[in-house]
């Protein structure tokens, strides 16, 4: 089991998964978010290869348009 803190809340996964798979599972649009993993911004080109590991902390910030 993998436990990570996502936006301040604990999440448990059966195994490691990529940032991309996590975003898809949660319904985020990858082109409309920024992801920080353990204090560092994850470049969009690394979403497929970057794994969420046990003990990680992620912040996912959605961009909202408007005026």
C-alpha atoms as a PDB file:
ATOM      1  CA  UNK A   1       0.000   0.000   0.000  1.00  0.00           C
ATOM      2  CA  UNK A   2       1.122   3.500  -0.852  1.00  0.00           C
ATOM      3  CA  UNK A   3       0.042   6.421   1.324  1.00  0.00           C
ATOM      4  CA  UNK A   4       0.590   9.979   0.111  1.00  0.00           C
ATOM      5  CA  UNK A   5      -0.720  13.345   1.246  1.00  0.00           C
ATOM      6  CA  UNK A   6      -2.577  15.066  -1.610  1.00  0.00           C
ATOM      7  CA  UNK A   7      -3.669  18.674  -1.070  1.00  0.00           C
ATOM      8  CA  UNK A   8      -3.364  18.087   2.678  1.00  0.00           C
ATOM      9  CA  UNK A   9      -5.462  14.900   2.740  1.00  0.00           C
ATOM     10  CA  UNK A  10      -4.134  11.335   3.072  1.00  0.00           C
ATOM     11  CA  UNK A  11      -4.758   9.111   0.036  1.00  0.00           C
ATOM     12  CA  UNK A  12      -4.027   5.390  -0.166  1.00  0.00           C
ATOM     13  CA  UNK A  13      -3.238   3.510  -3.371  1.00  0.00           C
ATOM     14  CA  UNK A  14      -2.698  -0.196  -4.012  1.00  0.00           C
ATOM     15  CA  UNK A  15       0.647   0.550  -5.696  1.00  0.00           C
ATOM     16  CA  UNK A  16       2.737   3.401  -7.071  1.00  0.00           C
ATOM     17  CA  UNK A  17       1.118   5.283  -9.911  1.00  0.00           C
ATOM     18  CA  UNK A  18       2.213   8.056 -12.206  1.00  0.00           C
ATOM     19  CA  UNK A  19       1.187  11.647 -11.679  1.00  0.00           C
ATOM     20  CA  UNK A  20      -0.637  11.393 -15.022  1.00  0.00           C
ATOM     21  CA  UNK A  21      -2.618   8.310 -13.907  1.00  0.00           C
ATOM     22  CA  UNK A  22      -3.522  10.008 -10.626  1.00  0.00           C
ATOM     23  CA  UNK A  23      -4.762  13.142 -12.397  1.00  0.00           C
ATOM     24  CA  UNK A  24      -6.854  11.055 -14.784  1.00  0.00           C
ATOM     25  CA  UNK A  25      -8.296   8.968 -11.926  1.00  0.00           C
ATOM     26  CA  UNK A  26      -9.343  12.119 -10.063  1.00  0.00           C
ATOM     27  CA  UNK A  27     -10.783  13.853 -13.138  1.00  0.00           C
ATOM     28  CA  UNK A  28      -8.194  16.635 -13.442  1.00  0.00           C
ATOM     29  CA  UNK A  29      -7.280  18.023 -16.846  1.00  0.00           C
ATOM     30  CA  UNK A  30      -3.466  17.876 -17.015  1.00  0.00           C
ATOM     31  CA  UNK A  31      -3.339  20.978 -19.219  1.00  0.00           C
ATOM     32  CA  UNK A  32      -5.225  22.958 -16.534  1.00  0.00           C
ATOM     33  CA  UNK A  33      -3.215  22.063 -13.404  1.00  0.00           C
ATOM     34  CA  UNK A  34       0.186  22.496 -11.817  1.00  0.00           C
ATOM     35  CA  UNK A  35       1.570  19.719  -9.615  1.00  0.00           C
ATOM     36  CA  UNK A  36       4.108  20.053  -6.830  1.00  0.00           C
ATOM     37  CA  UNK A  37       5.673  16.868  -5.450  1.00  0.00           C
ATOM     38  CA  UNK A  38       7.626  17.046  -2.199  1.00  0.00           C
ATOM     39  CA  UNK A  39       8.164  20.784  -2.624  1.00  0.00           C
ATOM     40  CA  UNK A  40       9.244  20.745  -6.295  1.00  0.00           C
ATOM     41  CA  UNK A  41       7.152  21.566  -9.358  1.00  0.00           C
ATOM     42  CA  UNK A  42       6.675  18.548 -11.636  1.00  0.00           C
ATOM     43  CA  UNK A  43       7.198  19.544 -15.287  1.00  0.00           C
ATOM     44  CA  UNK A  44       4.211  18.522 -17.445  1.00  0.00           C
ATOM     45  CA  UNK A  45       6.534  16.456 -19.657  1.00  0.00           C
ATOM     46  CA  UNK A  46       7.264  14.260 -16.592  1.00  0.00           C
ATOM     47  CA  UNK A  47       3.637  13.539 -15.582  1.00  0.00           C
ATOM     48  CA  UNK A  48       3.733  10.136 -17.339  1.00  0.00           C
ATOM     49  CA  UNK A  49       7.063   9.034 -15.857  1.00  0.00           C
ATOM     50  CA  UNK A  50       6.952  10.588 -12.380  1.00  0.00           C
ATOM     51  CA  UNK A  51       5.661   8.109  -9.799  1.00  0.00           C
ATOM     52  CA  UNK A  52       3.814   8.885  -6.590  1.00  0.00           C
ATOM     53  CA  UNK A  53       5.641   6.944  -3.886  1.00  0.00           C
ATOM     54  CA  UNK A  54       4.858   6.085  -0.271  1.00  0.00           C
ATOM     55  CA  UNK A  55       5.173   9.170   1.943  1.00  0.00           C
ATOM     56  CA  UNK A  56       5.045  11.716  -0.899  1.00  0.00           C
ATOM     57  CA  UNK A  57       3.286  15.044  -0.526  1.00  0.00           C
ATOM     58  CA  UNK A  58       1.530  16.468  -3.583  1.00  0.00           C
ATOM     59  CA  UNK A  59      -0.236  19.747  -4.180  1.00  0.00           C
ATOM     60  CA  UNK A  60      -2.455  19.977  -7.253  1.00  0.00           C
ATOM     61  CA  UNK A  61      -3.514  23.487  -8.235  1.00  0.00           C
ATOM     62  CA  UNK A  62      -6.200  24.018 -10.887  1.00  0.00           C
ATOM     63  CA  UNK A  63      -6.187  27.077 -13.109  1.00  0.00           C
ATOM     64  CA  UNK A  64      -9.482  28.890 -13.287  1.00  0.00           C
ATOM     65  CA  UNK A  65     -10.352  31.422 -15.986  1.00  0.00           C
ATOM     66  CA  UNK A  66     -12.493  34.459 -15.498  1.00  0.00           C
ATOM     67  CA  UNK A  67     -12.341  38.144 -14.973  1.00  0.00           C
END
